[in-house]
Amino acid sequence: MSASGSDGVPGVGTPAGEAIPLLLDAYGDRLFQLGLRNCGTRAEAQDLVQETMIQALGSWDSFQGRSRASTWLFRIALRTCRRMHRRRAGEPEHFESLDNVTPGSGLRGLRDDGGGGNDPGRTLARREVARRLDEALARIPEDFRMPLVLKDI
């Protein structure tokens, strides 16, 4: 019998072989979104998820349950992402549009018409605001960008 929380996420005492697949099912999509925002390409985002889960598997026995498993997993992801960035020289040249990686985010409203018809001027203005927000996010130093991205996810 394994120890897991009421939300079905594994807890302390759950064998790593059971815990890690449950964590991947529960948080894999959000880890991938984190990767898209901070790594720049789908392949690198997939690498982030894979590396995070490998690290989690290797260190699951040291998880003490002082925080939620999701908090522990995202800390691993952040460290992994930082390590991936250190391997490259400089910041990524491109970030996936916030509208593309978070279908339910508040930025989506910048592109949706909101019931006002098909006004090309409003649509163009919304797209320009969203583009500027994407560019501004890309210029924020990683230590400050990570909390913003995690909050939005």
N, C-alpha and C. Protein backbone atom coordinates (compact mmCIF):
# COMPACT_ATOMS: atom_id res chain seq x y z
N MET A 1 0.84 -1.18 0.00
CA MET A 1 0.00 0.00 0.00
C MET A 1 0.88 1.23 0.00
N SER A 2 0.63 2.18 -0.86
CA SER A 2 1.47 3.37 -0.98
C SER A 2 0.81 4.56 -0.31
N ALA A 3 1.66 5.48 0.13
CA ALA A 3 1.15 6.69 0.78
C ALA A 3 0.97 7.76 -0.27
N SER A 4 -0.25 8.23 -0.43
CA SER A 4 -0.50 9.32 -1.36
C SER A 4 -1.52 10.25 -0.76
N GLY A 5 -1.51 11.48 -1.25
CA GLY A 5 -2.42 12.49 -0.74
C GLY A 5 -3.83 12.28 -1.28
N SER A 6 -4.74 13.11 -0.80
CA SER A 6 -6.13 12.99 -1.22
C SER A 6 -6.31 13.36 -2.69
N ASP A 7 -5.33 14.06 -3.27
CA ASP A 7 -5.42 14.44 -4.67
C ASP A 7 -4.83 13.39 -5.60
N GLY A 8 -4.41 12.24 -5.05
CA GLY A 8 -3.86 11.18 -5.87
C GLY A 8 -2.39 11.35 -6.19
N VAL A 9 -1.78 12.43 -5.69
CA VAL A 9 -0.36 12.67 -5.90
C VAL A 9 0.40 11.89 -4.84
N PRO A 10 1.49 11.23 -5.21
CA PRO A 10 2.20 10.38 -4.26
C PRO A 10 2.81 11.17 -3.11
N GLY A 11 2.90 10.50 -1.98
CA GLY A 11 3.52 11.10 -0.82
C GLY A 11 4.70 10.28 -0.35
N VAL A 12 5.24 10.67 0.79
CA VAL A 12 6.36 9.96 1.38
C VAL A 12 5.97 8.50 1.59
N GLY A 13 6.86 7.60 1.29
CA GLY A 13 6.59 6.19 1.46
C GLY A 13 6.16 5.49 0.18
N THR A 14 5.76 6.25 -0.82
CA THR A 14 5.40 5.66 -2.11
C THR A 14 6.68 5.27 -2.83
N PRO A 15 6.79 4.05 -3.32
CA PRO A 15 8.01 3.66 -4.05
C PRO A 15 8.22 4.55 -5.28
N ALA A 16 9.47 4.84 -5.58
CA ALA A 16 9.80 5.72 -6.70
C ALA A 16 9.17 5.24 -8.01
N GLY A 17 9.15 3.94 -8.23
CA GLY A 17 8.58 3.39 -9.46
C GLY A 17 7.10 3.68 -9.62
N GLU A 18 6.40 3.91 -8.52
CA GLU A 18 4.99 4.28 -8.57
C GLU A 18 4.83 5.80 -8.57
N ALA A 19 5.66 6.47 -7.78
CA ALA A 19 5.51 7.91 -7.57
C ALA A 19 5.80 8.73 -8.82
N ILE A 20 6.88 8.42 -9.50
CA ILE A 20 7.31 9.26 -10.63
C ILE A 20 6.31 9.24 -11.78
N PRO A 21 5.76 8.08 -12.18
CA PRO A 21 4.72 8.12 -13.22
C PRO A 21 3.49 8.93 -12.80
N LEU A 22 3.12 8.86 -11.52
CA LEU A 22 1.99 9.66 -11.04
C LEU A 22 2.30 11.15 -11.12
N LEU A 23 3.52 11.52 -10.75
CA LEU A 23 3.92 12.92 -10.84
C LEU A 23 3.95 13.39 -12.29
N LEU A 24 4.42 12.54 -13.19
CA LEU A 24 4.45 12.89 -14.61
C LEU A 24 3.03 13.11 -15.12
N ASP A 25 2.11 12.22 -14.76
CA ASP A 25 0.72 12.38 -15.18
C ASP A 25 0.12 13.67 -14.63
N ALA A 26 0.41 13.97 -13.38
CA ALA A 26 -0.20 15.12 -12.72
C ALA A 26 0.41 16.45 -13.17
N TYR A 27 1.72 16.48 -13.44
CA TYR A 27 2.41 17.76 -13.65
C TYR A 27 3.20 17.86 -14.95
N GLY A 28 3.18 16.82 -15.76
CA GLY A 28 3.96 16.82 -16.99
C GLY A 28 3.62 17.96 -17.93
N ASP A 29 2.32 18.27 -18.09
CA ASP A 29 1.92 19.35 -18.99
C ASP A 29 2.42 20.70 -18.50
N ARG A 30 2.33 20.92 -17.19
CA ARG A 30 2.78 22.21 -16.65
C ARG A 30 4.31 22.32 -16.71
N LEU A 31 5.01 21.22 -16.53
CA LEU A 31 6.46 21.24 -16.70
C LEU A 31 6.82 21.56 -18.15
N PHE A 32 6.06 21.00 -19.08
CA PHE A 32 6.31 21.27 -20.49
C PHE A 32 6.08 22.74 -20.81
N GLN A 33 5.01 23.32 -20.26
CA GLN A 33 4.74 24.75 -20.47
C GLN A 33 5.87 25.60 -19.88
N LEU A 34 6.34 25.22 -18.72
CA LEU A 34 7.48 25.90 -18.11
C LEU A 34 8.68 25.85 -19.06
N GLY A 35 8.90 24.68 -19.64
CA GLY A 35 10.01 24.51 -20.58
C GLY A 35 9.85 25.36 -21.83
N LEU A 36 8.63 25.42 -22.37
CA LEU A 36 8.40 26.25 -23.56
C LEU A 36 8.72 27.71 -23.28
N ARG A 37 8.32 28.17 -22.13
CA ARG A 37 8.53 29.57 -21.79
C ARG A 37 9.98 29.91 -21.52
N ASN A 38 10.74 28.97 -21.00
CA ASN A 38 12.08 29.29 -20.56
C ASN A 38 13.19 28.66 -21.38
N CYS A 39 12.87 27.67 -22.19
CA CYS A 39 13.89 27.03 -23.00
C CYS A 39 13.82 27.46 -24.46
N GLY A 40 12.65 27.84 -24.93
CA GLY A 40 12.52 28.41 -26.25
C GLY A 40 12.04 27.49 -27.35
N THR A 41 12.32 26.20 -27.26
CA THR A 41 11.87 25.30 -28.32
C THR A 41 11.13 24.12 -27.71
N ARG A 42 10.30 23.49 -28.52
CA ARG A 42 9.55 22.32 -28.05
C ARG A 42 10.51 21.20 -27.65
N ALA A 43 11.56 21.01 -28.43
CA ALA A 43 12.52 19.94 -28.11
C ALA A 43 13.19 20.18 -26.76
N GLU A 44 13.57 21.42 -26.49
CA GLU A 44 14.20 21.73 -25.21
C GLU A 44 13.20 21.62 -24.07
N ALA A 45 11.95 21.96 -24.32
CA ALA A 45 10.91 21.80 -23.29
C ALA A 45 10.71 20.32 -22.97
N GLN A 46 10.73 19.49 -24.00
CA GLN A 46 10.61 18.05 -23.79
C GLN A 46 11.82 17.53 -23.01
N ASP A 47 13.00 18.06 -23.34
CA ASP A 47 14.20 17.68 -22.60
C ASP A 47 14.09 18.08 -21.13
N LEU A 48 13.53 19.25 -20.87
CA LEU A 48 13.36 19.70 -19.49
C LEU A 48 12.48 18.73 -18.71
N VAL A 49 11.37 18.33 -19.31
CA VAL A 49 10.47 17.39 -18.63
C VAL A 49 11.20 16.07 -18.37
N GLN A 50 11.90 15.58 -19.38
CA GLN A 50 12.61 14.31 -19.23
C GLN A 50 13.69 14.40 -18.16
N GLU A 51 14.50 15.44 -18.21
CA GLU A 51 15.58 15.60 -17.22
C GLU A 51 15.02 15.78 -15.82
N THR A 52 13.93 16.52 -15.70
CA THR A 52 13.30 16.73 -14.39
C THR A 52 12.84 15.40 -13.82
N MET A 53 12.21 14.58 -14.63
CA MET A 53 11.69 13.30 -14.14
C MET A 53 12.83 12.34 -13.81
N ILE A 54 13.92 12.38 -14.57
CA ILE A 54 15.08 11.54 -14.25
C ILE A 54 15.67 11.95 -12.91
N GLN A 55 15.81 13.27 -12.71
CA GLN A 55 16.32 13.78 -11.44
C GLN A 55 15.38 13.38 -10.29
N ALA A 56 14.08 13.51 -10.52
CA ALA A 56 13.10 13.17 -9.49
C ALA A 56 13.17 11.67 -9.13
N LEU A 57 13.33 10.84 -10.14
CA LEU A 57 13.44 9.41 -9.90
C LEU A 57 14.66 9.10 -9.04
N GLY A 58 15.77 9.74 -9.38
CA GLY A 58 17.01 9.49 -8.65
C GLY A 58 17.01 10.01 -7.22
N SER A 59 16.20 11.01 -6.95
CA SER A 59 16.23 11.60 -5.61
C SER A 59 14.92 11.42 -4.84
N TRP A 60 13.99 10.61 -5.36
CA TRP A 60 12.71 10.43 -4.69
C TRP A 60 12.86 9.94 -3.25
N ASP A 61 13.81 9.05 -3.02
CA ASP A 61 13.99 8.52 -1.67
C ASP A 61 14.39 9.59 -0.66
N SER A 62 14.94 10.70 -1.15
CA SER A 62 15.31 11.78 -0.23
C SER A 62 14.18 12.77 -0.01
N PHE A 63 13.06 12.63 -0.74
CA PHE A 63 11.91 13.51 -0.54
C PHE A 63 11.32 13.21 0.83
N GLN A 64 11.26 14.24 1.67
CA GLN A 64 10.84 14.05 3.06
C GLN A 64 9.40 14.48 3.32
N GLY A 65 8.75 15.08 2.35
CA GLY A 65 7.37 15.46 2.53
C GLY A 65 7.16 16.76 3.30
N ARG A 66 8.22 17.54 3.49
CA ARG A 66 8.06 18.82 4.19
C ARG A 66 7.35 19.84 3.31
N SER A 67 7.32 19.59 2.02
CA SER A 67 6.56 20.42 1.08
C SER A 67 5.74 19.46 0.23
N ARG A 68 4.86 20.02 -0.58
CA ARG A 68 4.08 19.17 -1.47
C ARG A 68 5.00 18.59 -2.54
N ALA A 69 4.64 17.45 -3.04
CA ALA A 69 5.45 16.80 -4.09
C ALA A 69 5.56 17.71 -5.31
N SER A 70 4.51 18.46 -5.62
CA SER A 70 4.55 19.35 -6.78
C SER A 70 5.58 20.46 -6.57
N THR A 71 5.66 21.01 -5.37
CA THR A 71 6.64 22.05 -5.06
C THR A 71 8.05 21.50 -5.25
N TRP A 72 8.28 20.32 -4.72
CA TRP A 72 9.58 19.65 -4.83
C TRP A 72 9.93 19.42 -6.31
N LEU A 73 8.95 18.96 -7.09
CA LEU A 73 9.18 18.67 -8.50
C LEU A 73 9.51 19.94 -9.29
N PHE A 74 8.78 21.03 -9.03
CA PHE A 74 9.04 22.27 -9.76
C PHE A 74 10.37 22.89 -9.35
N ARG A 75 10.82 22.68 -8.13
CA ARG A 75 12.16 23.16 -7.75
C ARG A 75 13.23 22.39 -8.55
N ILE A 76 13.02 21.10 -8.71
CA ILE A 76 13.94 20.31 -9.54
C ILE A 76 13.92 20.86 -10.97
N ALA A 77 12.73 21.14 -11.49
CA ALA A 77 12.61 21.66 -12.85
C ALA A 77 13.33 22.99 -13.00
N LEU A 78 13.20 23.87 -12.02
CA LEU A 78 13.87 25.17 -12.09
C LEU A 78 15.38 25.01 -12.08
N ARG A 79 15.88 24.14 -11.22
CA ARG A 79 17.33 23.90 -11.20
C ARG A 79 17.80 23.29 -12.53
N THR A 80 17.02 22.37 -13.06
CA THR A 80 17.36 21.74 -14.33
C THR A 80 17.36 22.77 -15.45
N CYS A 81 16.36 23.63 -15.47
CA CYS A 81 16.27 24.68 -16.49
C CYS A 81 17.48 25.61 -16.40
N ARG A 82 17.84 26.02 -15.21
CA ARG A 82 19.01 26.88 -15.04
C ARG A 82 20.27 26.19 -15.54
N ARG A 83 20.40 24.91 -15.23
CA ARG A 83 21.56 24.15 -15.69
C ARG A 83 21.57 24.08 -17.23
N MET A 84 20.40 23.91 -17.83
CA MET A 84 20.32 23.87 -19.29
C MET A 84 20.72 25.21 -19.89
N HIS A 85 20.35 26.30 -19.24
CA HIS A 85 20.70 27.63 -19.73
C HIS A 85 22.19 27.90 -19.61
N ARG A 86 22.80 27.38 -18.57
CA ARG A 86 24.24 27.60 -18.38
C ARG A 86 25.05 26.94 -19.49
N ARG A 87 24.54 25.89 -20.06
CA ARG A 87 25.26 25.20 -21.13
C ARG A 87 25.33 26.04 -22.40
N ARG A 88 24.37 26.97 -22.54
CA ARG A 88 24.33 27.81 -23.74
C ARG A 88 24.93 29.18 -23.43
N ALA A 89 25.43 29.82 -24.44
CA ALA A 89 25.95 31.17 -24.27
C ALA A 89 24.82 32.17 -24.47
N GLY A 90 24.43 32.87 -23.43
CA GLY A 90 23.42 33.92 -23.55
C GLY A 90 22.00 33.42 -23.44
N GLU A 91 21.09 34.36 -23.53
CA GLU A 91 19.66 34.08 -23.44
C GLU A 91 19.14 33.47 -24.74
N PRO A 92 18.02 32.74 -24.67
CA PRO A 92 17.42 32.21 -25.90
C PRO A 92 17.00 33.36 -26.81
N GLU A 93 17.08 33.13 -28.10
CA GLU A 93 16.70 34.16 -29.05
C GLU A 93 15.19 34.27 -29.21
N HIS A 94 14.46 33.22 -28.89
CA HIS A 94 13.02 33.22 -29.14
C HIS A 94 12.30 32.52 -27.99
N PHE A 95 11.17 33.08 -27.60
CA PHE A 95 10.29 32.44 -26.63
C PHE A 95 8.97 32.20 -27.33
N GLU A 96 8.38 31.06 -27.02
CA GLU A 96 7.06 30.75 -27.55
C GLU A 96 6.08 31.81 -27.04
N SER A 97 5.16 32.20 -27.87
CA SER A 97 4.16 33.20 -27.49
C SER A 97 3.39 32.74 -26.28
N LEU A 98 3.15 33.64 -25.33
CA LEU A 98 2.37 33.30 -24.14
C LEU A 98 0.98 32.80 -24.52
N ASP A 99 0.42 33.33 -25.59
CA ASP A 99 -0.90 32.90 -26.03
C ASP A 99 -0.89 31.44 -26.47
N ASN A 100 0.23 30.99 -27.05
CA ASN A 100 0.31 29.62 -27.55
C ASN A 100 0.51 28.60 -26.45
N VAL A 101 1.19 28.96 -25.37
CA VAL A 101 1.51 27.97 -24.35
C VAL A 101 0.55 27.94 -23.19
N THR A 102 -0.29 28.96 -23.04
CA THR A 102 -1.26 28.96 -21.95
C THR A 102 -2.63 29.31 -22.49
N PRO A 103 -3.35 28.31 -23.01
CA PRO A 103 -4.63 28.58 -23.63
C PRO A 103 -5.64 29.26 -22.72
N GLY A 104 -5.53 29.12 -21.42
CA GLY A 104 -6.50 29.74 -20.53
C GLY A 104 -5.98 30.99 -19.84
N SER A 105 -4.82 31.49 -20.27
CA SER A 105 -4.22 32.61 -19.54
C SER A 105 -4.94 33.92 -19.83
N GLY A 106 -4.68 34.88 -18.97
CA GLY A 106 -5.27 36.20 -19.13
C GLY A 106 -4.81 36.88 -20.41
N LEU A 107 -3.65 36.54 -20.93
CA LEU A 107 -3.17 37.15 -22.16
C LEU A 107 -4.00 36.73 -23.36
N ARG A 108 -4.69 35.62 -23.25
CA ARG A 108 -5.53 35.18 -24.36
C ARG A 108 -6.60 36.24 -24.65
N GLY A 109 -7.09 36.88 -23.62
CA GLY A 109 -8.10 37.92 -23.80
C GLY A 109 -7.60 39.08 -24.62
N LEU A 110 -6.31 39.27 -24.71
CA LEU A 110 -5.77 40.34 -25.53
C LEU A 110 -6.02 40.07 -27.01
N ARG A 111 -6.16 38.81 -27.36
CA ARG A 111 -6.36 38.47 -28.76
C ARG A 111 -7.81 38.14 -29.07
N ASP A 112 -8.58 37.75 -28.05
CA ASP A 112 -9.99 37.46 -28.27
C ASP A 112 -10.76 38.76 -28.44
N ASP A 113 -11.81 38.69 -29.24
CA ASP A 113 -12.55 39.91 -29.53
C ASP A 113 -13.45 40.35 -28.39
N GLY A 114 -13.88 39.46 -27.53
CA GLY A 114 -14.72 39.82 -26.41
C GLY A 114 -16.13 40.19 -26.82
N GLY A 115 -16.59 39.76 -27.99
CA GLY A 115 -17.97 40.00 -28.40
C GLY A 115 -18.17 41.30 -29.13
N GLY A 116 -17.12 42.01 -29.46
CA GLY A 116 -17.26 43.30 -30.12
C GLY A 116 -17.23 43.23 -31.62
N GLY A 117 -17.43 42.08 -32.22
CA GLY A 117 -17.40 41.96 -33.67
C GLY A 117 -15.98 41.73 -34.17
N ASN A 118 -15.81 41.84 -35.48
CA ASN A 118 -14.51 41.64 -36.10
C ASN A 118 -13.89 42.98 -36.46
N ASP A 119 -13.50 43.76 -35.47
CA ASP A 119 -12.88 45.06 -35.68
C ASP A 119 -11.39 44.85 -35.92
N PRO A 120 -10.92 45.01 -37.16
CA PRO A 120 -9.51 44.77 -37.46
C PRO A 120 -8.57 45.67 -36.66
N GLY A 121 -8.97 46.89 -36.37
CA GLY A 121 -8.13 47.79 -35.58
C GLY A 121 -7.92 47.29 -34.17
N ARG A 122 -9.01 46.84 -33.55
CA ARG A 122 -8.89 46.29 -32.18
C ARG A 122 -8.07 45.02 -32.17
N THR A 123 -8.28 44.18 -33.18
CA THR A 123 -7.53 42.94 -33.26
C THR A 123 -6.04 43.22 -33.42
N LEU A 124 -5.70 44.14 -34.28
CA LEU A 124 -4.30 44.51 -34.48
C LEU A 124 -3.69 45.09 -33.21
N ALA A 125 -4.44 45.95 -32.52
CA ALA A 125 -3.93 46.56 -31.29
C ALA A 125 -3.69 45.49 -30.22
N ARG A 126 -4.61 44.54 -30.10
CA ARG A 126 -4.44 43.47 -29.11
C ARG A 126 -3.21 42.63 -29.44
N ARG A 127 -3.03 42.31 -30.69
CA ARG A 127 -1.86 41.52 -31.08
C ARG A 127 -0.57 42.26 -30.79
N GLU A 128 -0.56 43.55 -31.02
CA GLU A 128 0.63 44.35 -30.75
C GLU A 128 0.95 44.37 -29.25
N VAL A 129 -0.07 44.53 -28.42
CA VAL A 129 0.14 44.51 -26.97
C VAL A 129 0.68 43.16 -26.53
N ALA A 130 0.10 42.08 -27.04
CA ALA A 130 0.55 40.73 -26.68
C ALA A 130 1.99 40.50 -27.15
N ARG A 131 2.33 40.99 -28.35
CA ARG A 131 3.70 40.84 -28.86
C ARG A 131 4.68 41.58 -27.95
N ARG A 132 4.32 42.79 -27.55
CA ARG A 132 5.21 43.56 -26.67
C ARG A 132 5.37 42.89 -25.31
N LEU A 133 4.28 42.31 -24.80
CA LEU A 133 4.39 41.59 -23.53
C LEU A 133 5.32 40.38 -23.66
N ASP A 134 5.20 39.65 -24.76
CA ASP A 134 6.09 38.51 -24.99
C ASP A 134 7.55 38.96 -25.04
N GLU A 135 7.82 40.05 -25.75
CA GLU A 135 9.19 40.56 -25.86
C GLU A 135 9.71 41.04 -24.51
N ALA A 136 8.87 41.72 -23.75
CA ALA A 136 9.29 42.22 -22.43
C ALA A 136 9.61 41.05 -21.50
N LEU A 137 8.79 40.01 -21.53
CA LEU A 137 9.05 38.85 -20.70
C LEU A 137 10.38 38.20 -21.06
N ALA A 138 10.70 38.16 -22.34
CA ALA A 138 11.96 37.57 -22.79
C ALA A 138 13.17 38.36 -22.30
N ARG A 139 13.00 39.67 -22.04
CA ARG A 139 14.12 40.50 -21.59
C ARG A 139 14.33 40.49 -20.08
N ILE A 140 13.36 39.98 -19.33
CA ILE A 140 13.50 39.94 -17.88
C ILE A 140 14.54 38.90 -17.51
N PRO A 141 15.46 39.23 -16.60
CA PRO A 141 16.46 38.24 -16.17
C PRO A 141 15.78 36.97 -15.64
N GLU A 142 16.43 35.86 -15.86
CA GLU A 142 15.84 34.55 -15.55
C GLU A 142 15.36 34.44 -14.11
N ASP A 143 16.12 34.97 -13.16
CA ASP A 143 15.71 34.86 -11.75
C ASP A 143 14.39 35.55 -11.47
N PHE A 144 14.06 36.58 -12.24
CA PHE A 144 12.79 37.28 -12.07
C PHE A 144 11.71 36.73 -12.99
N ARG A 145 12.13 36.21 -14.15
CA ARG A 145 11.18 35.68 -15.12
C ARG A 145 10.52 34.41 -14.60
N MET A 146 11.30 33.54 -13.95
CA MET A 146 10.78 32.26 -13.47
C MET A 146 9.55 32.44 -12.59
N PRO A 147 9.58 33.31 -11.56
CA PRO A 147 8.36 33.46 -10.74
C PRO A 147 7.15 33.94 -11.55
N LEU A 148 7.38 34.83 -12.51
CA LEU A 148 6.26 35.31 -13.35
C LEU A 148 5.67 34.18 -14.16
N VAL A 149 6.54 33.37 -14.76
CA VAL A 149 6.08 32.27 -15.59
C VAL A 149 5.34 31.24 -14.73
N LEU A 150 5.91 30.92 -13.57
CA LEU A 150 5.26 29.94 -12.69
C LEU A 150 3.91 30.46 -12.22
N LYS A 151 3.81 31.73 -11.92
CA LYS A 151 2.54 32.33 -11.48
C LYS A 151 1.51 32.22 -12.59
N ASP A 152 1.91 32.51 -13.83
CA ASP A 152 0.99 32.46 -14.95
C ASP A 152 0.54 31.04 -15.26
N ILE A 153 1.44 30.07 -15.11
CA ILE A 153 1.08 28.68 -15.38
C ILE A 153 0.08 28.24 -14.33
